[in-house]
N, C-alpha and C. Protein backbone atom coordinates (compact mmCIF):
# COMPACT_ATOMS: atom_id res chain seq x y z
N MET A 1 85.39 114.77 96.08
CA MET A 1 85.37 113.97 97.28
C MET A 1 83.91 113.75 97.68
N LYS A 2 83.60 112.54 98.08
CA LYS A 2 82.23 112.20 98.46
C LYS A 2 82.11 112.25 99.98
N ILE A 3 80.96 112.71 100.45
CA ILE A 3 80.71 112.79 101.89
C ILE A 3 80.82 111.41 102.54
N GLN A 4 80.51 110.35 101.78
CA GLN A 4 80.57 108.99 102.32
C GLN A 4 82.00 108.57 102.66
N GLU A 5 83.00 109.23 102.08
CA GLU A 5 84.39 108.90 102.35
C GLU A 5 84.89 109.50 103.66
N LEU A 6 84.17 110.49 104.18
CA LEU A 6 84.66 111.22 105.34
C LEU A 6 84.06 110.70 106.63
N ARG A 7 84.84 110.81 107.69
CA ARG A 7 84.36 110.49 109.02
C ARG A 7 84.96 111.48 110.00
N ILE A 8 84.39 111.53 111.18
CA ILE A 8 84.88 112.44 112.21
C ILE A 8 86.36 112.14 112.47
N GLY A 9 87.17 113.19 112.51
CA GLY A 9 88.60 113.05 112.74
C GLY A 9 89.43 113.20 111.48
N ASN A 10 88.81 113.05 110.30
CA ASN A 10 89.57 113.21 109.05
C ASN A 10 90.08 114.63 108.89
N LEU A 11 91.27 114.75 108.31
CA LEU A 11 91.83 116.06 107.99
C LEU A 11 91.58 116.34 106.51
N VAL A 12 91.16 117.57 106.21
CA VAL A 12 90.91 118.01 104.84
C VAL A 12 91.38 119.46 104.73
N LYS A 13 91.39 119.97 103.50
CA LYS A 13 91.67 121.39 103.27
C LYS A 13 90.34 122.10 103.10
N CYS A 14 90.24 123.31 103.63
CA CYS A 14 89.01 124.08 103.53
C CYS A 14 89.32 125.47 103.01
N LYS A 15 88.57 125.90 102.01
CA LYS A 15 88.69 127.25 101.47
C LYS A 15 88.29 128.23 102.57
N THR A 16 89.13 129.24 102.83
CA THR A 16 88.88 130.14 103.95
C THR A 16 87.73 131.10 103.71
N SER A 17 87.39 131.39 102.45
CA SER A 17 86.21 132.19 102.13
C SER A 17 85.77 131.88 100.71
N ASN A 18 84.58 132.28 100.35
CA ASN A 18 84.05 131.97 99.01
C ASN A 18 84.91 132.52 97.89
N ASP A 19 85.51 133.69 98.09
CA ASP A 19 86.29 134.32 97.02
C ASP A 19 87.79 134.11 97.19
N SER A 20 88.18 133.23 98.10
CA SER A 20 89.59 133.02 98.40
C SER A 20 90.14 131.78 97.69
N ALA A 21 91.41 131.85 97.35
CA ALA A 21 92.09 130.68 96.81
C ALA A 21 92.93 130.03 97.90
N THR A 22 92.82 130.52 99.13
CA THR A 22 93.60 130.02 100.25
C THR A 22 92.84 128.92 100.98
N TYR A 23 93.54 127.85 101.30
CA TYR A 23 92.95 126.73 102.03
C TYR A 23 93.71 126.55 103.33
N SER A 24 93.01 126.15 104.38
CA SER A 24 93.66 125.80 105.63
C SER A 24 93.31 124.35 105.94
N VAL A 25 94.17 123.67 106.71
CA VAL A 25 93.93 122.28 107.09
C VAL A 25 93.02 122.30 108.32
N ILE A 26 91.94 121.53 108.23
CA ILE A 26 90.99 121.47 109.31
C ILE A 26 90.56 120.02 109.54
N GLN A 27 89.93 119.77 110.68
CA GLN A 27 89.49 118.43 111.05
C GLN A 27 87.97 118.37 111.05
N ILE A 28 87.43 117.31 110.47
CA ILE A 28 85.99 117.11 110.44
C ILE A 28 85.53 116.74 111.85
N ASP A 29 84.48 117.42 112.34
CA ASP A 29 83.99 117.06 113.67
C ASP A 29 82.49 116.83 113.73
N GLY A 30 81.81 116.75 112.60
CA GLY A 30 80.38 116.44 112.60
C GLY A 30 79.81 116.51 111.20
N PHE A 31 78.59 116.02 111.04
CA PHE A 31 77.98 115.95 109.72
C PHE A 31 76.57 116.51 109.73
N GLY A 32 76.13 116.92 108.59
CA GLY A 32 74.76 117.35 108.34
C GLY A 32 74.64 117.37 106.83
N LEU A 33 73.88 118.24 106.29
CA LEU A 33 73.88 118.42 104.85
C LEU A 33 75.18 119.06 104.41
N LYS A 34 75.83 119.68 105.36
CA LYS A 34 77.14 120.27 105.14
C LYS A 34 78.07 119.65 106.16
N VAL A 35 79.33 120.03 106.18
CA VAL A 35 80.31 119.43 107.08
C VAL A 35 80.69 120.44 108.14
N ARG A 36 80.67 120.01 109.40
CA ARG A 36 81.14 120.87 110.48
C ARG A 36 82.64 120.64 110.62
N LEU A 37 83.39 121.72 110.70
CA LEU A 37 84.83 121.64 110.73
C LEU A 37 85.36 122.20 112.04
N SER A 38 86.37 121.55 112.58
CA SER A 38 86.96 121.97 113.83
C SER A 38 88.15 122.87 113.54
N HIS A 39 87.93 124.16 113.59
CA HIS A 39 88.96 125.15 113.32
C HIS A 39 88.46 126.47 113.86
N PRO A 40 89.32 127.28 114.46
CA PRO A 40 88.84 128.53 115.06
C PRO A 40 88.01 129.41 114.13
N ARG A 41 88.33 129.45 112.85
CA ARG A 41 87.59 130.30 111.91
C ARG A 41 86.37 129.60 111.32
N HIS A 42 86.22 128.31 111.57
CA HIS A 42 85.13 127.53 110.98
C HIS A 42 84.32 126.89 112.09
N THR A 43 83.46 127.62 112.73
CA THR A 43 82.68 127.07 113.82
C THR A 43 81.29 126.67 113.38
N GLU A 44 80.91 127.00 112.17
CA GLU A 44 79.60 126.64 111.65
C GLU A 44 79.77 125.59 110.55
N PHE A 45 78.63 125.14 110.04
CA PHE A 45 78.71 124.17 108.96
C PHE A 45 79.31 124.80 107.71
N THR A 46 80.10 124.02 106.99
CA THR A 46 80.78 124.47 105.78
C THR A 46 80.29 123.64 104.60
N PRO A 47 79.93 124.28 103.50
CA PRO A 47 79.48 123.51 102.32
C PRO A 47 80.58 122.59 101.80
N LEU A 48 80.18 121.44 101.30
CA LEU A 48 81.15 120.48 100.79
C LEU A 48 81.99 121.01 99.65
N ASP A 49 81.47 121.94 98.87
CA ASP A 49 82.25 122.45 97.74
C ASP A 49 83.41 123.33 98.18
N ARG A 50 83.53 123.60 99.47
CA ARG A 50 84.65 124.39 99.97
C ARG A 50 85.75 123.53 100.59
N ILE A 51 85.57 122.22 100.59
CA ILE A 51 86.62 121.36 101.13
C ILE A 51 87.23 120.50 100.04
N LYS A 52 88.51 120.17 100.23
CA LYS A 52 89.25 119.35 99.28
C LYS A 52 90.06 118.32 100.07
N PRO A 53 90.31 117.16 99.46
CA PRO A 53 91.15 116.18 100.13
C PRO A 53 92.61 116.62 100.13
N ILE A 54 93.36 116.11 101.07
CA ILE A 54 94.80 116.39 101.16
C ILE A 54 95.53 115.24 100.48
N PRO A 55 96.27 115.50 99.40
CA PRO A 55 97.01 114.41 98.74
C PRO A 55 98.04 113.79 99.70
N LEU A 56 98.12 112.48 99.70
CA LEU A 56 99.08 111.78 100.53
C LEU A 56 100.46 111.88 99.89
N THR A 57 101.45 112.28 100.67
CA THR A 57 102.82 112.44 100.17
C THR A 57 103.80 111.71 101.08
N GLU A 58 105.02 111.55 100.60
CA GLU A 58 106.07 110.96 101.43
C GLU A 58 106.33 111.83 102.65
N GLU A 59 106.24 113.13 102.48
CA GLU A 59 106.48 114.05 103.60
C GLU A 59 105.44 113.85 104.70
N ILE A 60 104.18 113.69 104.32
CA ILE A 60 103.14 113.44 105.32
C ILE A 60 103.38 112.12 106.02
N LEU A 61 103.72 111.09 105.26
CA LEU A 61 103.97 109.78 105.86
C LEU A 61 105.16 109.82 106.82
N SER A 62 106.15 110.64 106.53
CA SER A 62 107.33 110.71 107.40
C SER A 62 107.01 111.36 108.74
N GLU A 63 105.86 112.02 108.86
CA GLU A 63 105.46 112.65 110.11
C GLU A 63 104.92 111.65 111.13
N PHE A 64 104.55 110.46 110.70
CA PHE A 64 103.97 109.47 111.60
C PHE A 64 105.07 108.71 112.33
N THR A 65 104.65 107.96 113.35
CA THR A 65 105.59 107.13 114.09
C THR A 65 105.76 105.80 113.38
N MET A 66 105.91 105.87 112.06
CA MET A 66 106.12 104.68 111.26
C MET A 66 107.51 104.75 110.66
N LYS A 67 108.02 103.64 110.24
CA LYS A 67 109.38 103.58 109.73
C LYS A 67 109.38 103.20 108.26
N TRP A 68 110.29 103.86 107.52
CA TRP A 68 110.51 103.50 106.12
C TRP A 68 111.48 102.35 106.07
N GLY A 69 111.32 101.51 105.08
CA GLY A 69 112.25 100.40 104.93
C GLY A 69 111.98 99.68 103.62
N THR A 70 112.40 98.45 103.59
CA THR A 70 112.14 97.60 102.43
C THR A 70 111.45 96.34 102.92
N ASP A 71 110.91 95.60 101.99
CA ASP A 71 110.22 94.36 102.33
C ASP A 71 110.67 93.29 101.35
N PRO A 72 111.30 92.23 101.84
CA PRO A 72 111.77 91.18 100.93
C PRO A 72 110.64 90.53 100.15
N GLN A 73 109.41 90.59 100.67
CA GLN A 73 108.27 90.02 99.95
C GLN A 73 107.76 90.95 98.86
N GLU A 74 108.19 92.20 98.88
CA GLU A 74 107.79 93.18 97.85
C GLU A 74 109.05 93.83 97.26
N PRO A 75 109.87 93.08 96.54
CA PRO A 75 111.14 93.61 96.04
C PRO A 75 110.99 94.76 95.05
N ASN A 76 109.83 94.91 94.42
CA ASN A 76 109.64 95.99 93.45
C ASN A 76 109.18 97.30 94.09
N ALA A 77 108.92 97.27 95.38
CA ALA A 77 108.48 98.48 96.07
C ALA A 77 109.68 99.38 96.33
N LEU A 78 109.54 100.65 95.96
CA LEU A 78 110.59 101.63 96.25
C LEU A 78 110.65 101.93 97.73
N MET A 79 109.47 102.03 98.35
CA MET A 79 109.39 102.38 99.75
C MET A 79 108.35 101.52 100.42
N VAL A 80 108.60 101.23 101.66
CA VAL A 80 107.62 100.55 102.48
C VAL A 80 107.50 101.35 103.77
N PHE A 81 106.29 101.70 104.11
CA PHE A 81 105.99 102.49 105.27
C PHE A 81 105.31 101.56 106.28
N LYS A 82 105.94 101.34 107.45
CA LYS A 82 105.46 100.31 108.37
C LYS A 82 105.11 100.85 109.75
N ASN A 83 104.09 100.24 110.31
CA ASN A 83 103.75 100.42 111.72
C ASN A 83 103.24 99.06 112.17
N GLY A 84 104.12 98.27 112.76
CA GLY A 84 103.76 96.90 113.10
C GLY A 84 103.50 96.12 111.84
N GLU A 85 102.32 95.53 111.74
CA GLU A 85 101.95 94.75 110.56
C GLU A 85 101.34 95.61 109.46
N PHE A 86 101.07 96.86 109.74
CA PHE A 86 100.43 97.76 108.78
C PHE A 86 101.51 98.33 107.85
N GLU A 87 101.40 98.05 106.55
CA GLU A 87 102.40 98.50 105.57
C GLU A 87 101.74 99.25 104.41
N ILE A 88 102.38 100.34 104.03
CA ILE A 88 101.99 101.10 102.85
C ILE A 88 103.16 101.03 101.88
N LEU A 89 102.88 100.70 100.63
CA LEU A 89 103.94 100.54 99.63
C LEU A 89 103.86 101.65 98.59
N LYS A 90 105.00 101.94 97.98
CA LYS A 90 105.06 102.87 96.85
C LYS A 90 105.92 102.20 95.79
N PHE A 91 105.37 102.11 94.59
CA PHE A 91 106.07 101.48 93.48
C PHE A 91 106.58 102.54 92.51
N GLU A 92 107.62 102.21 91.78
CA GLU A 92 108.28 103.17 90.90
C GLU A 92 107.35 103.78 89.86
N ASP A 93 106.50 102.99 89.25
CA ASP A 93 105.64 103.48 88.17
C ASP A 93 104.31 104.06 88.65
N GLU A 94 104.11 104.17 89.94
CA GLU A 94 102.83 104.64 90.49
C GLU A 94 103.01 106.01 91.13
N ASP A 95 101.96 106.83 91.05
CA ASP A 95 102.02 108.14 91.68
C ASP A 95 101.22 108.18 92.98
N HIS A 96 100.76 107.01 93.43
CA HIS A 96 100.03 106.93 94.69
C HIS A 96 100.60 105.78 95.52
N PHE A 97 100.09 105.63 96.72
CA PHE A 97 100.53 104.58 97.62
C PHE A 97 99.55 103.41 97.56
N PHE A 98 99.95 102.28 98.12
CA PHE A 98 99.21 101.05 97.96
C PHE A 98 99.26 100.27 99.27
N TYR A 99 98.14 99.70 99.67
CA TYR A 99 98.09 98.83 100.84
C TYR A 99 97.69 97.44 100.38
N SER A 100 98.36 96.43 100.91
CA SER A 100 97.96 95.05 100.66
C SER A 100 98.21 94.25 101.92
N ASN A 101 97.27 93.37 102.26
CA ASN A 101 97.48 92.53 103.44
C ASN A 101 98.08 91.19 103.07
N GLY A 102 98.40 90.99 101.79
CA GLY A 102 99.01 89.74 101.36
C GLY A 102 98.03 88.59 101.23
N ARG A 103 96.75 88.82 101.51
CA ARG A 103 95.74 87.77 101.43
C ARG A 103 94.60 88.16 100.52
N GLY A 104 94.89 89.00 99.54
CA GLY A 104 93.87 89.35 98.55
C GLY A 104 93.24 90.72 98.72
N PHE A 105 93.38 91.34 99.89
CA PHE A 105 92.82 92.67 100.07
C PHE A 105 93.86 93.71 99.73
N HIS A 106 93.50 94.66 98.89
CA HIS A 106 94.42 95.76 98.58
C HIS A 106 93.62 97.03 98.35
N ALA A 107 94.31 98.16 98.47
CA ALA A 107 93.65 99.45 98.28
C ALA A 107 94.67 100.47 97.81
N ASP A 108 94.26 101.28 96.83
CA ASP A 108 95.07 102.44 96.43
C ASP A 108 94.78 103.54 97.44
N ILE A 109 95.81 104.24 97.86
CA ILE A 109 95.65 105.33 98.82
C ILE A 109 96.20 106.59 98.18
N ILE A 110 95.32 107.51 97.88
CA ILE A 110 95.69 108.75 97.21
C ILE A 110 95.66 109.93 98.17
N TYR A 111 94.71 109.90 99.11
CA TYR A 111 94.49 111.03 100.01
C TYR A 111 94.69 110.66 101.47
N LEU A 112 95.02 111.66 102.27
CA LEU A 112 95.26 111.45 103.70
C LEU A 112 94.04 110.86 104.39
N HIS A 113 92.84 111.33 104.09
CA HIS A 113 91.65 110.80 104.79
C HIS A 113 91.45 109.31 104.47
N GLN A 114 91.87 108.86 103.29
CA GLN A 114 91.76 107.44 102.96
C GLN A 114 92.70 106.62 103.85
N LEU A 115 93.91 107.13 104.07
CA LEU A 115 94.85 106.45 104.96
C LEU A 115 94.32 106.44 106.39
N GLN A 116 93.78 107.57 106.85
CA GLN A 116 93.22 107.63 108.20
C GLN A 116 92.10 106.60 108.36
N ASN A 117 91.22 106.51 107.38
CA ASN A 117 90.09 105.59 107.47
C ASN A 117 90.54 104.14 107.41
N LEU A 118 91.45 103.82 106.51
CA LEU A 118 91.95 102.45 106.39
C LEU A 118 92.66 102.02 107.66
N TYR A 119 93.51 102.90 108.19
CA TYR A 119 94.24 102.58 109.41
C TYR A 119 93.27 102.30 110.56
N PHE A 120 92.24 103.15 110.69
CA PHE A 120 91.25 102.94 111.75
C PHE A 120 90.49 101.63 111.55
N ASP A 121 90.07 101.36 110.32
CA ASP A 121 89.32 100.13 110.03
C ASP A 121 90.13 98.88 110.36
N LEU A 122 91.42 98.91 110.10
CA LEU A 122 92.26 97.73 110.29
C LEU A 122 92.82 97.57 111.70
N THR A 123 93.05 98.69 112.38
CA THR A 123 93.69 98.62 113.70
C THR A 123 92.74 98.97 114.85
N GLY A 124 91.65 99.67 114.54
CA GLY A 124 90.75 100.14 115.59
C GLY A 124 91.31 101.34 116.34
N LYS A 125 92.40 101.92 115.83
CA LYS A 125 93.05 103.07 116.46
C LYS A 125 93.07 104.24 115.48
N GLU A 126 93.03 105.44 116.03
CA GLU A 126 93.15 106.64 115.20
C GLU A 126 94.61 106.82 114.79
N LEU A 127 94.83 107.25 113.58
CA LEU A 127 96.17 107.60 113.11
C LEU A 127 96.37 109.07 113.45
N GLU A 128 97.23 109.35 114.39
CA GLU A 128 97.48 110.71 114.83
C GLU A 128 98.27 111.46 113.76
N VAL A 129 97.73 112.59 113.33
CA VAL A 129 98.34 113.38 112.26
C VAL A 129 98.43 114.83 112.70
N GLU A 130 99.61 115.42 112.53
CA GLU A 130 99.75 116.85 112.77
C GLU A 130 100.40 117.46 111.55
N LEU A 131 99.67 118.37 110.90
CA LEU A 131 100.21 119.03 109.70
C LEU A 131 100.45 120.49 109.99
């Protein structure tokens, strides 16, 4: 994961200690040469090599105030995840989600922070996430 992909408010997984295989979900709340994380156990800067992106799943998408359905304009999509005009598609042969505005712009969405960033860029609103 590149630091350029992250912004304040993104959710990521953070290794709880250098010798631990355990990760907790935390929220980015500032930047420096390292990342400041908003979590009771992480009040100081955390090295980037201790954070990982959260893979986007159907379960995570079902937590939002968005609705699953179908789209007659995308008959090959297995699932369509909607919030107003904002749609995320999942196709049978793909292991990730896909956004398209129908006018030439599209994006593969693999991680939760990518969805958070895209949603903010397109709507000007934060995508509220509770994991």
